[in-house]
Structures are given as structure tokens and as C-alpha cells.
């Protein structure tokens, strides 16, 4: 398997991780589907969403696979009055990643990253390695350090 930019960043920071490949279903890119394929509970597989704040601009949010992003909470945590998701067609130009393969590590630009605080409940979590079909299994505190994330309450159960 070819190393992704996200994997190279963790290598450079001397952070341990495991790459776990899975078969991609173009019709179901959901985090719950990915969680089943990498044999982890959905609440331990974090999806990365790209949003834009009215004051700060583009930011990334990581929430458990079985939850939704609470835009009001993200706005409050990020110092914005309002935050909205960027359109799907903007995701790749902004991050270099395609839907289903967005990672908080190694995007085209370094955006502020906000991770739901439940991340700290787990010994390890899965996050996209930057391509569809590959998840990185990493310790939450290592991920928070690597992306200089702020942990906050930004997820809402579906």
C-alpha cells in the first residue's frame, strides 16, 4: 500500500499508527459502513467534515461516525457566529481530498481542526488516511497533537 500524506506526517512526528484497508462501496461511503469494514464501533471511527465559519473561514471538524456535526456548537467553539458545511464541489479544491477520503492530516492548507471530545474516551480511533479505502488507527491524544486540534462538544447523536 502506498503511504498517504497523512501517514507521512505521522511518520515525521514519530507517531505510531496502523493503516487498515477496506473495500470501497461507491454507493455507501458512510462512516458506519466504514466502521463495519474496519471492525470497529461507529462511535470510534471519526469522520472529517469541512465547514466554513463567517469569521474564521474554512475549518475541519471530526465527529464520531454515528453522530452528526452540531454547527451551532462548532460555531461557538471556533469563534464564529455561524458555520456552514462547504459544498461537496468545494471539498477537493480546498483540501485535496475527495468525499469519503477527507483526513484532518495533510490537507492542501492547514485548517483549524475541532474534534468531538468523545475522542478522548477511546484507546484508539480510526480516521481517514486521506484516500477512500484506508483508515488510520491512531491514539486520540496523538491525533490531537498532530493536527493541533481543539477538543470540544460538537457532535449530536442521530
N, C-alpha and C. Protein backbone atom coordinates (compact mmCIF):
# COMPACT_ATOMS: atom_id res chain seq x y z
N UNK A 1 0.83 -1.19 0.00
CA UNK A 1 0.00 0.00 0.00
C UNK A 1 0.88 1.25 0.00
N UNK A 2 0.52 2.19 -0.84
CA UNK A 2 1.26 3.45 -0.93
C UNK A 2 0.96 4.31 0.31
N UNK A 3 1.99 4.90 0.86
CA UNK A 3 1.79 5.78 2.02
C UNK A 3 1.10 7.07 1.58
N UNK A 4 0.15 7.50 2.38
CA UNK A 4 -0.54 8.76 2.09
C UNK A 4 0.20 9.91 2.77
N UNK A 5 -0.14 11.14 2.37
CA UNK A 5 0.45 12.31 3.03
C UNK A 5 0.18 12.27 4.52
N UNK A 6 -1.03 11.86 4.90
CA UNK A 6 -1.39 11.79 6.31
C UNK A 6 -0.45 10.84 7.05
N UNK A 7 -0.18 9.68 6.45
CA UNK A 7 0.73 8.70 7.07
C UNK A 7 2.15 9.27 7.16
N UNK A 8 2.59 9.96 6.12
CA UNK A 8 3.94 10.54 6.14
C UNK A 8 4.07 11.61 7.23
N UNK A 9 3.00 12.36 7.46
CA UNK A 9 3.03 13.39 8.52
C UNK A 9 3.21 12.70 9.88
N UNK A 10 2.45 11.63 10.13
CA UNK A 10 2.59 10.92 11.41
C UNK A 10 3.98 10.30 11.54
N UNK A 11 4.51 9.77 10.43
CA UNK A 11 5.88 9.23 10.45
C UNK A 11 6.85 10.33 10.89
N UNK A 12 6.70 11.50 10.30
CA UNK A 12 7.59 12.63 10.59
C UNK A 12 7.52 13.08 12.04
N UNK A 13 6.34 12.87 12.65
CA UNK A 13 6.15 13.25 14.06
C UNK A 13 6.45 12.09 15.01
N UNK A 14 6.91 10.96 14.43
CA UNK A 14 7.20 9.75 15.22
C UNK A 14 5.98 9.28 16.02
N UNK A 15 4.83 9.32 15.37
CA UNK A 15 3.58 8.88 15.99
C UNK A 15 3.22 7.51 15.43
N UNK A 16 2.92 6.57 16.32
CA UNK A 16 2.53 5.21 15.90
C UNK A 16 1.11 5.21 15.37
N UNK A 17 0.89 4.44 14.33
CA UNK A 17 -0.45 4.27 13.77
C UNK A 17 -0.46 2.96 13.00
N UNK A 18 -1.65 2.55 12.65
CA UNK A 18 -1.82 1.36 11.81
C UNK A 18 -2.71 1.76 10.65
N UNK A 19 -2.36 1.33 9.44
CA UNK A 19 -3.23 1.56 8.29
C UNK A 19 -4.10 0.34 8.10
N UNK A 20 -5.40 0.56 7.95
CA UNK A 20 -6.33 -0.55 7.78
C UNK A 20 -7.11 -0.32 6.49
N UNK A 21 -6.88 -1.20 5.52
CA UNK A 21 -7.56 -1.06 4.24
C UNK A 21 -8.92 -1.74 4.26
N UNK A 22 -9.82 -1.26 3.41
CA UNK A 22 -11.14 -1.88 3.27
C UNK A 22 -11.63 -1.68 1.84
N UNK A 23 -12.61 -2.46 1.46
CA UNK A 23 -13.18 -2.37 0.12
C UNK A 23 -14.18 -1.22 0.09
N UNK A 24 -14.02 -0.33 -0.89
CA UNK A 24 -14.88 0.85 -1.00
C UNK A 24 -16.15 0.51 -1.76
N UNK A 25 -17.27 0.94 -1.20
CA UNK A 25 -18.56 0.82 -1.88
C UNK A 25 -18.97 2.24 -2.27
N UNK A 26 -18.87 2.54 -3.57
CA UNK A 26 -19.18 3.90 -4.07
C UNK A 26 -20.58 4.36 -3.67
N UNK A 27 -21.48 3.38 -3.45
CA UNK A 27 -22.86 3.72 -3.11
C UNK A 27 -23.07 3.92 -1.61
N UNK A 28 -22.06 3.59 -0.81
CA UNK A 28 -22.18 3.77 0.63
C UNK A 28 -20.82 4.16 1.20
N UNK A 29 -20.60 5.47 1.27
CA UNK A 29 -19.33 5.98 1.82
C UNK A 29 -19.50 6.39 3.29
N UNK A 30 -20.61 5.96 3.90
CA UNK A 30 -20.90 6.39 5.27
C UNK A 30 -19.87 5.86 6.26
N UNK A 31 -19.70 6.62 7.34
CA UNK A 31 -18.76 6.22 8.38
C UNK A 31 -19.21 4.93 9.07
N UNK A 32 -20.52 4.71 9.14
CA UNK A 32 -20.99 3.47 9.79
C UNK A 32 -20.62 2.26 8.94
N UNK A 33 -20.67 2.41 7.62
CA UNK A 33 -20.27 1.33 6.72
C UNK A 33 -18.76 1.08 6.85
N UNK A 34 -17.98 2.15 6.87
CA UNK A 34 -16.52 2.03 7.01
C UNK A 34 -16.20 1.36 8.35
N UNK A 35 -16.90 1.74 9.40
CA UNK A 35 -16.65 1.17 10.74
C UNK A 35 -16.81 -0.36 10.71
N UNK A 36 -17.87 -0.83 10.05
CA UNK A 36 -18.07 -2.28 9.96
C UNK A 36 -16.90 -2.94 9.23
N UNK A 37 -16.43 -2.29 8.17
CA UNK A 37 -15.37 -2.87 7.35
C UNK A 37 -14.01 -2.90 8.06
N UNK A 38 -13.79 -1.95 8.97
CA UNK A 38 -12.51 -1.95 9.71
C UNK A 38 -12.68 -2.57 11.11
N UNK A 39 -13.85 -3.18 11.33
CA UNK A 39 -14.14 -3.91 12.56
C UNK A 39 -13.99 -3.07 13.82
N UNK A 40 -14.61 -1.90 13.77
CA UNK A 40 -14.61 -1.01 14.94
C UNK A 40 -16.02 -0.44 15.10
N UNK A 41 -16.42 -0.10 16.34
CA UNK A 41 -17.74 0.52 16.52
C UNK A 41 -17.77 1.90 15.85
N UNK A 42 -18.93 2.28 15.32
CA UNK A 42 -19.05 3.55 14.59
C UNK A 42 -18.64 4.75 15.44
N UNK A 43 -18.89 4.68 16.74
CA UNK A 43 -18.53 5.83 17.59
C UNK A 43 -17.03 5.96 17.80
N UNK A 44 -16.27 4.98 17.32
CA UNK A 44 -14.81 5.01 17.44
C UNK A 44 -14.15 5.34 16.09
N UNK A 45 -14.97 5.46 15.05
CA UNK A 45 -14.49 5.81 13.71
C UNK A 45 -14.94 7.25 13.45
N UNK A 46 -13.97 8.15 13.36
CA UNK A 46 -14.29 9.58 13.23
C UNK A 46 -14.26 10.02 11.78
N UNK A 47 -15.32 10.74 11.38
CA UNK A 47 -15.38 11.28 10.03
C UNK A 47 -14.95 12.74 10.08
N UNK A 48 -14.29 13.19 9.01
CA UNK A 48 -13.81 14.56 8.94
C UNK A 48 -14.69 15.35 7.98
N UNK A 49 -15.25 16.42 8.49
CA UNK A 49 -16.15 17.27 7.72
C UNK A 49 -15.51 18.64 7.52
N UNK A 50 -15.79 19.26 6.38
CA UNK A 50 -15.21 20.56 6.06
C UNK A 50 -16.31 21.61 6.13
N UNK A 51 -16.07 22.65 6.91
CA UNK A 51 -17.06 23.70 7.10
C UNK A 51 -16.39 25.07 6.93
N UNK A 52 -17.22 26.10 6.92
CA UNK A 52 -16.70 27.47 6.78
C UNK A 52 -17.39 28.36 7.81
N UNK A 53 -16.58 29.06 8.59
CA UNK A 53 -17.11 29.99 9.59
C UNK A 53 -17.19 31.39 9.00
N UNK A 54 -18.14 32.19 9.48
CA UNK A 54 -18.32 33.54 8.95
C UNK A 54 -17.16 34.47 9.33
N UNK A 55 -16.41 34.12 10.37
CA UNK A 55 -15.27 34.95 10.78
C UNK A 55 -13.93 34.31 10.45
N UNK A 56 -13.81 32.99 10.69
CA UNK A 56 -12.50 32.33 10.57
C UNK A 56 -12.25 31.67 9.23
N UNK A 57 -13.30 31.49 8.43
CA UNK A 57 -13.12 30.80 7.16
C UNK A 57 -13.17 29.30 7.33
N UNK A 58 -12.45 28.58 6.46
CA UNK A 58 -12.54 27.12 6.40
C UNK A 58 -11.96 26.48 7.67
N UNK A 59 -12.66 25.43 8.13
CA UNK A 59 -12.18 24.65 9.26
C UNK A 59 -12.63 23.20 9.08
N UNK A 60 -12.02 22.32 9.85
CA UNK A 60 -12.36 20.90 9.78
C UNK A 60 -12.90 20.46 11.13
N UNK A 61 -13.87 19.54 11.07
CA UNK A 61 -14.45 19.01 12.29
C UNK A 61 -14.48 17.49 12.19
N UNK A 62 -14.07 16.82 13.26
CA UNK A 62 -14.09 15.36 13.30
C UNK A 62 -15.10 14.93 14.35
N UNK A 63 -16.06 14.12 13.91
CA UNK A 63 -17.10 13.63 14.82
C UNK A 63 -17.25 12.12 14.66
N UNK A 64 -17.78 11.45 15.68
CA UNK A 64 -17.96 10.01 15.58
C UNK A 64 -18.85 9.65 14.38
N UNK A 65 -18.60 8.48 13.82
CA UNK A 65 -19.31 8.03 12.64
C UNK A 65 -20.80 7.88 12.80
N UNK A 66 -21.26 7.71 14.05
CA UNK A 66 -22.69 7.54 14.27
C UNK A 66 -23.35 8.83 14.74
N UNK A 67 -22.65 9.95 14.61
CA UNK A 67 -23.17 11.24 15.09
C UNK A 67 -23.21 12.26 13.95
N UNK A 68 -23.86 13.37 14.22
CA UNK A 68 -23.89 14.50 13.28
C UNK A 68 -23.12 15.65 13.88
N UNK A 69 -22.61 16.50 13.03
CA UNK A 69 -21.92 17.71 13.47
C UNK A 69 -22.97 18.73 13.91
N UNK A 70 -22.79 19.29 15.10
CA UNK A 70 -23.66 20.36 15.59
C UNK A 70 -23.02 21.68 15.18
N UNK A 71 -23.58 22.30 14.15
CA UNK A 71 -22.99 23.52 13.59
C UNK A 71 -22.98 24.68 14.59
N UNK A 72 -24.00 24.76 15.44
CA UNK A 72 -24.05 25.83 16.44
C UNK A 72 -22.91 25.68 17.44
N UNK A 73 -22.70 24.44 17.90
CA UNK A 73 -21.61 24.19 18.86
C UNK A 73 -20.25 24.44 18.21
N UNK A 74 -20.11 24.04 16.93
CA UNK A 74 -18.85 24.27 16.23
C UNK A 74 -18.60 25.77 16.09
N UNK A 75 -19.64 26.53 15.78
CA UNK A 75 -19.51 27.99 15.66
C UNK A 75 -19.00 28.57 16.98
N UNK A 76 -19.61 28.15 18.08
CA UNK A 76 -19.22 28.66 19.40
C UNK A 76 -17.77 28.28 19.71
N UNK A 77 -17.40 27.03 19.44
CA UNK A 77 -16.05 26.54 19.75
C UNK A 77 -14.98 27.22 18.90
N UNK A 78 -15.36 27.63 17.68
CA UNK A 78 -14.38 28.17 16.74
C UNK A 78 -14.38 29.69 16.66
N UNK A 79 -15.20 30.34 17.48
CA UNK A 79 -15.22 31.80 17.50
C UNK A 79 -15.98 32.41 16.33
N UNK A 80 -16.92 31.66 15.78
CA UNK A 80 -17.75 32.17 14.69
C UNK A 80 -19.17 32.39 15.19
N UNK A 81 -19.90 33.28 14.49
CA UNK A 81 -21.32 33.43 14.78
C UNK A 81 -22.10 32.33 14.09
N UNK A 82 -21.62 31.98 12.88
CA UNK A 82 -22.32 31.00 12.07
C UNK A 82 -21.30 30.13 11.32
N UNK A 83 -21.59 28.84 11.25
CA UNK A 83 -20.75 27.91 10.49
C UNK A 83 -21.66 27.10 9.60
N UNK A 84 -21.25 26.90 8.35
CA UNK A 84 -22.00 26.01 7.47
C UNK A 84 -21.04 25.07 6.77
N UNK A 85 -21.59 23.93 6.36
CA UNK A 85 -20.80 22.95 5.62
C UNK A 85 -20.41 23.56 4.28
N UNK A 86 -19.21 23.27 3.78
CA UNK A 86 -18.86 23.71 2.43
C UNK A 86 -19.56 22.76 1.46
N UNK A 87 -19.78 23.23 0.24
CA UNK A 87 -20.45 22.37 -0.74
C UNK A 87 -19.51 21.24 -1.14
N UNK A 88 -20.10 20.13 -1.57
CA UNK A 88 -19.32 18.97 -1.97
C UNK A 88 -18.30 19.32 -3.04
N UNK A 89 -18.67 20.19 -3.98
CA UNK A 89 -17.73 20.54 -5.07
C UNK A 89 -16.55 21.37 -4.58
N UNK A 90 -16.66 21.94 -3.38
CA UNK A 90 -15.54 22.72 -2.83
C UNK A 90 -14.55 21.87 -2.04
N UNK A 91 -14.99 20.69 -1.60
CA UNK A 91 -14.15 19.87 -0.71
C UNK A 91 -12.78 19.57 -1.33
N UNK A 92 -12.77 19.06 -2.56
CA UNK A 92 -11.48 18.70 -3.16
C UNK A 92 -10.59 19.92 -3.44
N UNK A 93 -11.12 21.01 -4.04
CA UNK A 93 -10.24 22.17 -4.25
C UNK A 93 -9.66 22.73 -2.94
N UNK A 94 -10.43 22.68 -1.87
CA UNK A 94 -9.96 23.22 -0.58
C UNK A 94 -8.97 22.30 0.11
N UNK A 95 -9.22 20.98 0.06
CA UNK A 95 -8.43 20.05 0.87
C UNK A 95 -7.47 19.17 0.08
N UNK A 96 -7.79 18.96 -1.20
CA UNK A 96 -7.02 17.99 -1.98
C UNK A 96 -7.58 16.58 -1.82
N UNK A 97 -8.62 16.43 -1.01
CA UNK A 97 -9.21 15.12 -0.74
C UNK A 97 -10.59 15.01 -1.39
N UNK A 98 -10.98 13.77 -1.72
CA UNK A 98 -12.32 13.53 -2.25
C UNK A 98 -13.24 13.04 -1.14
N UNK A 99 -14.54 13.22 -1.33
CA UNK A 99 -15.53 12.76 -0.36
C UNK A 99 -15.29 11.29 -0.04
N UNK A 100 -15.30 10.98 1.25
CA UNK A 100 -15.04 9.60 1.66
C UNK A 100 -13.57 9.36 1.95
N UNK A 101 -12.74 10.37 1.70
CA UNK A 101 -11.31 10.23 1.95
C UNK A 101 -10.69 11.47 2.57
N UNK A 102 -11.51 12.30 3.22
CA UNK A 102 -11.00 13.54 3.82
C UNK A 102 -10.36 13.23 5.16
N UNK A 103 -9.13 13.66 5.32
CA UNK A 103 -8.39 13.47 6.57
C UNK A 103 -8.07 14.83 7.18
N UNK A 104 -8.04 14.92 8.51
CA UNK A 104 -7.63 16.19 9.13
C UNK A 104 -6.13 16.43 8.98
N UNK A 105 -5.41 15.40 8.54
CA UNK A 105 -3.96 15.48 8.34
C UNK A 105 -3.63 15.63 6.86
N UNK A 106 -2.73 16.53 6.53
CA UNK A 106 -2.19 16.58 5.17
C UNK A 106 -3.06 17.22 4.12
N UNK A 107 -4.02 18.04 4.52
CA UNK A 107 -4.82 18.77 3.53
C UNK A 107 -3.92 19.79 2.82
N UNK A 108 -4.40 20.31 1.68
CA UNK A 108 -3.63 21.30 0.90
C UNK A 108 -3.16 22.46 1.76
N UNK A 109 -4.04 22.93 2.64
CA UNK A 109 -3.70 24.01 3.57
C UNK A 109 -3.94 23.49 4.97
N UNK A 110 -3.30 24.12 5.93
CA UNK A 110 -3.51 23.70 7.32
C UNK A 110 -4.70 24.50 7.88
N UNK A 111 -5.80 23.82 8.06
CA UNK A 111 -7.01 24.46 8.59
C UNK A 111 -7.14 24.14 10.08
N UNK A 112 -7.82 25.01 10.82
CA UNK A 112 -8.08 24.68 12.23
C UNK A 112 -8.93 23.40 12.30
N UNK A 113 -8.61 22.53 13.26
CA UNK A 113 -9.31 21.26 13.40
C UNK A 113 -9.97 21.21 14.78
N UNK A 114 -11.25 20.81 14.78
CA UNK A 114 -12.02 20.66 16.01
C UNK A 114 -12.50 19.22 16.05
N UNK A 115 -12.21 18.53 17.16
CA UNK A 115 -12.57 17.12 17.28
C UNK A 115 -13.52 16.97 18.46
N UNK A 116 -14.59 16.20 18.23
CA UNK A 116 -15.54 15.99 19.33
C UNK A 116 -14.82 15.38 20.52
N UNK A 117 -15.17 15.87 21.70
CA UNK A 117 -14.47 15.46 22.93
C UNK A 117 -14.60 13.97 23.26
N UNK A 118 -15.58 13.27 22.67
CA UNK A 118 -15.70 11.83 22.93
C UNK A 118 -14.49 11.07 22.41
N UNK A 119 -13.69 11.71 21.55
CA UNK A 119 -12.48 11.07 21.02
C UNK A 119 -11.59 10.59 22.18
N UNK A 120 -11.60 11.33 23.29
CA UNK A 120 -10.71 11.02 24.41
C UNK A 120 -11.16 9.82 25.23
N UNK A 121 -12.34 9.28 24.92
CA UNK A 121 -12.85 8.11 25.65
C UNK A 121 -12.22 6.81 25.16
N UNK A 122 -11.57 6.85 24.02
CA UNK A 122 -11.10 5.62 23.37
C UNK A 122 -9.59 5.46 23.46
N UNK A 123 -9.10 4.21 23.54
CA UNK A 123 -7.65 3.99 23.50
C UNK A 123 -7.10 4.30 22.11
N UNK A 124 -7.88 3.95 21.06
CA UNK A 124 -7.51 4.29 19.68
C UNK A 124 -8.79 4.64 18.93
N UNK A 125 -8.62 5.41 17.85
CA UNK A 125 -9.74 5.73 16.97
C UNK A 125 -9.29 5.51 15.53
N UNK A 126 -10.26 5.48 14.63
CA UNK A 126 -9.94 5.40 13.20
C UNK A 126 -10.31 6.73 12.58
N UNK A 127 -9.47 7.16 11.64
CA UNK A 127 -9.70 8.41 10.90
C UNK A 127 -9.21 8.15 9.48
N UNK A 128 -9.77 8.84 8.51
CA UNK A 128 -9.35 8.59 7.13
C UNK A 128 -7.86 8.85 6.95
N UNK A 129 -7.22 7.98 6.20
CA UNK A 129 -5.80 8.15 5.90
C UNK A 129 -5.61 9.10 4.70
N UNK A 130 -6.71 9.61 4.17
CA UNK A 130 -6.60 10.58 3.08
C UNK A 130 -6.99 10.01 1.72
N UNK A 131 -7.37 8.74 1.69
CA UNK A 131 -7.89 8.13 0.47
C UNK A 131 -9.04 7.22 0.86
N UNK A 132 -9.96 7.02 -0.08
CA UNK A 132 -11.03 6.06 0.18
C UNK A 132 -10.40 4.68 0.28
N UNK A 133 -10.91 3.87 1.21
CA UNK A 133 -10.42 2.51 1.32
C UNK A 133 -9.28 2.32 2.30
N UNK A 134 -8.97 3.37 3.07
CA UNK A 134 -7.88 3.24 4.04
C UNK A 134 -8.14 4.13 5.25
N UNK A 135 -8.15 3.49 6.42
CA UNK A 135 -8.30 4.22 7.68
C UNK A 135 -7.00 4.13 8.47
N UNK A 136 -6.72 5.17 9.25
CA UNK A 136 -5.57 5.17 10.16
C UNK A 136 -6.10 4.91 11.55
N UNK A 137 -5.49 3.95 12.23
CA UNK A 137 -5.84 3.68 13.62
C UNK A 137 -4.76 4.38 14.45
N UNK A 138 -5.19 5.32 15.28
CA UNK A 138 -4.22 6.17 15.99
C UNK A 138 -4.75 6.48 17.39
N UNK A 139 -3.85 6.77 18.32
CA UNK A 139 -4.27 7.18 19.66
C UNK A 139 -4.83 8.60 19.58
N UNK A 140 -5.96 8.85 20.25
CA UNK A 140 -6.60 10.16 20.16
C UNK A 140 -5.68 11.33 20.53
N UNK A 141 -4.92 11.17 21.62
CA UNK A 141 -4.06 12.28 22.03
C UNK A 141 -2.98 12.55 20.99
N UNK A 142 -2.51 11.50 20.30
CA UNK A 142 -1.52 11.70 19.24
C UNK A 142 -2.12 12.48 18.07
N UNK A 143 -3.38 12.15 17.71
CA UNK A 143 -4.04 12.86 16.62
C UNK A 143 -4.25 14.33 16.99
N UNK A 144 -4.73 14.57 18.21
CA UNK A 144 -4.97 15.94 18.68
C UNK A 144 -3.68 16.75 18.59
N UNK A 145 -2.57 16.14 19.02
CA UNK A 145 -1.27 16.81 18.97
C UNK A 145 -0.84 17.06 17.52
N UNK A 146 -0.98 16.04 16.67
CA UNK A 146 -0.51 16.14 15.28
C UNK A 146 -1.22 17.25 14.50
N UNK A 147 -2.53 17.44 14.74
CA UNK A 147 -3.27 18.45 13.97
C UNK A 147 -3.52 19.71 14.79
N UNK A 148 -2.96 19.75 16.01
CA UNK A 148 -3.16 20.88 16.92
C UNK A 148 -4.65 21.18 17.07
N UNK A 149 -5.40 20.11 17.32
CA UNK A 149 -6.86 20.22 17.39
C UNK A 149 -7.33 20.76 18.74
N UNK A 150 -8.53 21.31 18.70
CA UNK A 150 -9.24 21.68 19.91
C UNK A 150 -10.32 20.62 20.11
N UNK A 151 -10.37 20.00 21.30
CA UNK A 151 -11.45 19.05 21.55
C UNK A 151 -12.59 19.80 22.22
N UNK A 152 -13.80 19.55 21.74
CA UNK A 152 -14.98 20.25 22.23
C UNK A 152 -16.22 19.41 21.95
N UNK A 153 -17.33 19.84 22.52
CA UNK A 153 -18.58 19.09 22.37
C UNK A 153 -19.28 19.56 21.09
N UNK A 154 -19.00 18.90 19.97
CA UNK A 154 -19.56 19.36 18.69
C UNK A 154 -20.39 18.30 17.98
N UNK A 155 -20.57 17.13 18.61
CA UNK A 155 -21.33 16.06 17.97
C UNK A 155 -22.71 15.93 18.61
N UNK A 156 -23.65 15.56 17.76
CA UNK A 156 -25.03 15.34 18.23
C UNK A 156 -25.42 13.94 17.77
N UNK A 157 -25.97 13.16 18.69
CA UNK A 157 -26.39 11.80 18.29
C UNK A 157 -27.55 11.87 17.32
N UNK A 158 -27.50 10.99 16.35
CA UNK A 158 -28.53 10.98 15.29
C UNK A 158 -29.76 10.23 15.79
